[in-house]
Amino acid sequence: MAVVWIPSMMRDLTGGKERVHVPGATVGEVIDALEAAYPGAKERLVVQGRLASGIMATVDGKRALRGLEQQVSVESIVRFLPIMAGG
């Protein structure tokens, strides 16, 4: 199962856990598994079938350019990060 690092803004859903293990072959499937285990996760990560604005996913340290369709292996590390704006 993939290891998912939970951003601090979502740890209220996971009982404070900063990482969890969930199944999934894509980022979208990982999010669905998160939702099944931690209700409310999907609504914070997905809007209208896409990653929410302000959220970036990485898989194995690389930006998930394919969004929800990005492939994930059983040994992957998935992170959901808030996108920082600045100037």
N, C-alpha and C. Protein backbone atom coordinates (compact mmCIF):
# COMPACT_ATOMS: atom_id res chain seq x y z
N MET A 1 0.84 -1.18 0.00
CA MET A 1 0.00 0.00 0.00
C MET A 1 0.88 1.24 0.00
N ALA A 2 0.39 2.26 -0.67
CA ALA A 2 1.12 3.52 -0.72
C ALA A 2 1.12 4.20 0.65
N VAL A 3 2.19 4.92 0.93
CA VAL A 3 2.27 5.74 2.13
C VAL A 3 1.82 7.13 1.73
N VAL A 4 0.85 7.67 2.46
CA VAL A 4 0.34 9.00 2.18
C VAL A 4 0.69 9.90 3.35
N TRP A 5 1.42 10.97 3.07
CA TRP A 5 1.73 11.98 4.07
C TRP A 5 0.57 12.94 4.11
N ILE A 6 0.01 13.13 5.28
CA ILE A 6 -1.18 13.96 5.47
C ILE A 6 -0.75 15.37 5.85
N PRO A 7 -1.21 16.37 5.09
CA PRO A 7 -0.86 17.75 5.45
C PRO A 7 -1.50 18.13 6.78
N SER A 8 -0.88 19.04 7.49
CA SER A 8 -1.37 19.42 8.82
C SER A 8 -2.82 19.88 8.79
N MET A 9 -3.25 20.49 7.70
CA MET A 9 -4.63 20.99 7.60
C MET A 9 -5.66 19.87 7.54
N MET A 10 -5.21 18.63 7.37
CA MET A 10 -6.13 17.49 7.29
C MET A 10 -5.96 16.50 8.44
N ARG A 11 -5.05 16.74 9.31
CA ARG A 11 -4.77 15.76 10.37
C ARG A 11 -5.90 15.63 11.38
N ASP A 12 -6.81 16.59 11.40
CA ASP A 12 -7.98 16.43 12.26
C ASP A 12 -8.82 15.24 11.81
N LEU A 13 -8.76 14.91 10.51
CA LEU A 13 -9.51 13.77 9.99
C LEU A 13 -8.86 12.43 10.32
N THR A 14 -7.54 12.44 10.49
CA THR A 14 -6.80 11.19 10.71
C THR A 14 -6.42 10.98 12.17
N GLY A 15 -7.02 11.73 13.05
CA GLY A 15 -6.69 11.59 14.47
C GLY A 15 -5.27 12.02 14.77
N GLY A 16 -4.76 12.96 13.97
CA GLY A 16 -3.41 13.48 14.18
C GLY A 16 -2.31 12.74 13.46
N LYS A 17 -2.65 11.65 12.78
CA LYS A 17 -1.62 10.88 12.07
C LYS A 17 -1.06 11.71 10.92
N GLU A 18 0.27 11.72 10.80
CA GLU A 18 0.88 12.46 9.69
C GLU A 18 1.11 11.60 8.46
N ARG A 19 1.01 10.29 8.62
CA ARG A 19 1.09 9.40 7.46
C ARG A 19 0.21 8.19 7.69
N VAL A 20 -0.37 7.72 6.58
CA VAL A 20 -1.24 6.56 6.61
C VAL A 20 -0.92 5.69 5.40
N HIS A 21 -1.33 4.44 5.44
CA HIS A 21 -1.15 3.52 4.32
C HIS A 21 -2.51 3.23 3.70
N VAL A 22 -2.64 3.45 2.41
CA VAL A 22 -3.89 3.15 1.71
C VAL A 22 -3.59 2.54 0.35
N PRO A 23 -4.52 1.74 -0.18
CA PRO A 23 -4.34 1.17 -1.51
C PRO A 23 -4.73 2.18 -2.59
N GLY A 24 -4.30 1.89 -3.80
CA GLY A 24 -4.70 2.69 -4.95
C GLY A 24 -3.65 2.64 -6.03
N ALA A 25 -4.10 2.56 -7.28
CA ALA A 25 -3.19 2.53 -8.43
C ALA A 25 -3.01 3.90 -9.05
N THR A 26 -3.86 4.86 -8.64
CA THR A 26 -3.75 6.24 -9.12
C THR A 26 -3.96 7.17 -7.93
N VAL A 27 -3.62 8.44 -8.12
CA VAL A 27 -3.86 9.43 -7.07
C VAL A 27 -5.35 9.46 -6.73
N GLY A 28 -6.20 9.39 -7.74
CA GLY A 28 -7.64 9.39 -7.51
C GLY A 28 -8.09 8.22 -6.65
N GLU A 29 -7.56 7.03 -6.92
CA GLU A 29 -7.91 5.86 -6.12
C GLU A 29 -7.38 5.98 -4.69
N VAL A 30 -6.21 6.58 -4.53
CA VAL A 30 -5.67 6.82 -3.20
C VAL A 30 -6.60 7.76 -2.43
N ILE A 31 -7.08 8.80 -3.09
CA ILE A 31 -8.00 9.73 -2.45
C ILE A 31 -9.30 9.03 -2.07
N ASP A 32 -9.80 8.17 -2.96
CA ASP A 32 -11.01 7.41 -2.63
C ASP A 32 -10.79 6.52 -1.41
N ALA A 33 -9.62 5.90 -1.31
CA ALA A 33 -9.30 5.06 -0.16
C ALA A 33 -9.17 5.91 1.11
N LEU A 34 -8.59 7.10 0.98
CA LEU A 34 -8.53 8.02 2.12
C LEU A 34 -9.93 8.37 2.58
N GLU A 35 -10.81 8.66 1.62
CA GLU A 35 -12.19 9.02 1.96
C GLU A 35 -12.89 7.88 2.69
N ALA A 36 -12.67 6.65 2.25
CA ALA A 36 -13.29 5.50 2.91
C ALA A 36 -12.81 5.35 4.34
N ALA A 37 -11.54 5.61 4.56
CA ALA A 37 -10.96 5.46 5.90
C ALA A 37 -11.15 6.70 6.77
N TYR A 38 -11.16 7.86 6.12
CA TYR A 38 -11.22 9.14 6.84
C TYR A 38 -12.22 10.05 6.14
N PRO A 39 -13.51 9.87 6.43
CA PRO A 39 -14.53 10.66 5.76
C PRO A 39 -14.26 12.17 5.86
N GLY A 40 -14.44 12.83 4.72
CA GLY A 40 -14.18 14.27 4.63
C GLY A 40 -12.90 14.59 3.90
N ALA A 41 -12.03 13.60 3.72
CA ALA A 41 -10.74 13.84 3.06
C ALA A 41 -10.94 14.27 1.61
N LYS A 42 -11.83 13.59 0.91
CA LYS A 42 -11.99 13.86 -0.52
C LYS A 42 -12.50 15.27 -0.77
N GLU A 43 -13.41 15.75 0.05
CA GLU A 43 -13.94 17.09 -0.18
C GLU A 43 -12.88 18.18 0.04
N ARG A 44 -11.84 17.86 0.77
CA ARG A 44 -10.74 18.82 0.96
C ARG A 44 -9.72 18.74 -0.17
N LEU A 45 -9.70 17.62 -0.88
CA LEU A 45 -8.68 17.42 -1.91
C LEU A 45 -9.19 17.54 -3.35
N VAL A 46 -10.48 17.29 -3.56
CA VAL A 46 -11.02 17.22 -4.92
C VAL A 46 -12.22 18.16 -5.05
N VAL A 47 -12.21 18.93 -6.14
CA VAL A 47 -13.33 19.80 -6.48
C VAL A 47 -13.64 19.59 -7.96
N GLN A 48 -14.88 19.25 -8.24
CA GLN A 48 -15.35 19.04 -9.61
C GLN A 48 -14.45 18.08 -10.40
N GLY A 49 -14.09 16.98 -9.76
CA GLY A 49 -13.32 15.94 -10.42
C GLY A 49 -11.85 16.24 -10.66
N ARG A 50 -11.32 17.25 -10.01
CA ARG A 50 -9.90 17.62 -10.13
C ARG A 50 -9.34 17.92 -8.74
N LEU A 51 -8.02 17.90 -8.66
CA LEU A 51 -7.41 18.33 -7.40
C LEU A 51 -7.85 19.76 -7.12
N ALA A 52 -8.18 20.03 -5.88
CA ALA A 52 -8.63 21.37 -5.50
C ALA A 52 -7.54 22.40 -5.78
N SER A 53 -7.98 23.60 -6.14
CA SER A 53 -7.00 24.67 -6.33
C SER A 53 -6.33 24.89 -4.98
N GLY A 54 -5.06 25.13 -5.02
CA GLY A 54 -4.31 25.31 -3.79
C GLY A 54 -3.72 24.02 -3.25
N ILE A 55 -3.97 22.88 -3.94
CA ILE A 55 -3.43 21.59 -3.52
C ILE A 55 -2.59 21.00 -4.65
N MET A 56 -1.41 20.53 -4.33
CA MET A 56 -0.56 19.84 -5.28
C MET A 56 -0.29 18.45 -4.74
N ALA A 57 -0.32 17.47 -5.62
CA ALA A 57 0.03 16.10 -5.23
C ALA A 57 1.41 15.77 -5.79
N THR A 58 2.18 15.03 -5.01
CA THR A 58 3.44 14.48 -5.50
C THR A 58 3.44 12.98 -5.27
N VAL A 59 4.07 12.27 -6.19
CA VAL A 59 4.23 10.83 -6.07
C VAL A 59 5.72 10.54 -6.19
N ASP A 60 6.26 9.95 -5.16
CA ASP A 60 7.69 9.63 -5.11
C ASP A 60 8.56 10.85 -5.37
N GLY A 61 8.15 11.97 -4.80
CA GLY A 61 8.93 13.20 -4.88
C GLY A 61 8.77 14.01 -6.16
N LYS A 62 7.92 13.55 -7.07
CA LYS A 62 7.72 14.27 -8.33
C LYS A 62 6.28 14.75 -8.41
N ARG A 63 6.11 15.95 -8.90
CA ARG A 63 4.77 16.52 -9.04
C ARG A 63 3.89 15.60 -9.90
N ALA A 64 2.69 15.37 -9.46
CA ALA A 64 1.73 14.52 -10.16
C ALA A 64 1.09 15.33 -11.29
N LEU A 65 1.78 15.39 -12.42
CA LEU A 65 1.32 16.21 -13.54
C LEU A 65 0.02 15.72 -14.14
N ARG A 66 -0.29 14.44 -13.97
CA ARG A 66 -1.54 13.88 -14.50
C ARG A 66 -2.68 13.98 -13.50
N GLY A 67 -2.44 14.69 -12.40
CA GLY A 67 -3.49 14.90 -11.41
C GLY A 67 -4.01 13.60 -10.84
N LEU A 68 -5.32 13.43 -10.84
CA LEU A 68 -5.95 12.25 -10.25
C LEU A 68 -5.61 10.97 -11.00
N GLU A 69 -5.17 11.09 -12.25
CA GLU A 69 -4.83 9.93 -13.07
C GLU A 69 -3.37 9.49 -12.91
N GLN A 70 -2.59 10.24 -12.14
CA GLN A 70 -1.18 9.90 -11.94
C GLN A 70 -1.05 8.51 -11.34
N GLN A 71 -0.20 7.69 -11.90
CA GLN A 71 0.00 6.33 -11.42
C GLN A 71 0.69 6.32 -10.06
N VAL A 72 0.32 5.34 -9.25
CA VAL A 72 0.88 5.14 -7.91
C VAL A 72 1.19 3.65 -7.79
N SER A 73 2.37 3.33 -7.26
CA SER A 73 2.70 1.92 -7.02
C SER A 73 2.45 1.57 -5.56
N VAL A 74 2.52 0.29 -5.24
CA VAL A 74 2.30 -0.13 -3.86
C VAL A 74 3.40 0.38 -2.92
N GLU A 75 4.52 0.78 -3.49
CA GLU A 75 5.62 1.29 -2.68
C GLU A 75 5.76 2.81 -2.75
N SER A 76 4.81 3.48 -3.40
CA SER A 76 4.91 4.93 -3.59
C SER A 76 4.70 5.70 -2.30
N ILE A 77 5.25 6.89 -2.30
CA ILE A 77 5.00 7.88 -1.26
C ILE A 77 4.23 9.01 -1.92
N VAL A 78 3.04 9.26 -1.41
CA VAL A 78 2.16 10.30 -1.96
C VAL A 78 2.04 11.41 -0.93
N ARG A 79 2.18 12.62 -1.42
CA ARG A 79 2.02 13.79 -0.54
C ARG A 79 1.02 14.75 -1.16
N PHE A 80 0.20 15.35 -0.33
CA PHE A 80 -0.70 16.42 -0.75
C PHE A 80 -0.22 17.68 -0.05
N LEU A 81 0.17 18.64 -0.85
CA LEU A 81 0.80 19.84 -0.31
C LEU A 81 0.00 21.08 -0.68
N PRO A 82 -0.10 22.01 0.27
CA PRO A 82 -0.72 23.28 -0.10
C PRO A 82 0.24 24.05 -1.00
N ILE A 83 -0.30 24.64 -2.04
CA ILE A 83 0.53 25.44 -2.95
C ILE A 83 0.71 26.80 -2.31
N MET A 84 1.95 27.20 -2.20
CA MET A 84 2.27 28.49 -1.59
C MET A 84 2.32 29.56 -2.67
N ALA A 85 1.60 30.62 -2.44
CA ALA A 85 1.68 31.77 -3.34
C ALA A 85 2.57 32.81 -2.70
N GLY A 86 3.20 33.56 -3.50
CA GLY A 86 4.07 34.58 -2.94
C GLY A 86 4.59 35.50 -4.02
N GLY A 87 5.32 36.43 -3.61
CA GLY A 87 5.80 37.37 -4.58
C GLY A 87 7.01 38.02 -4.16
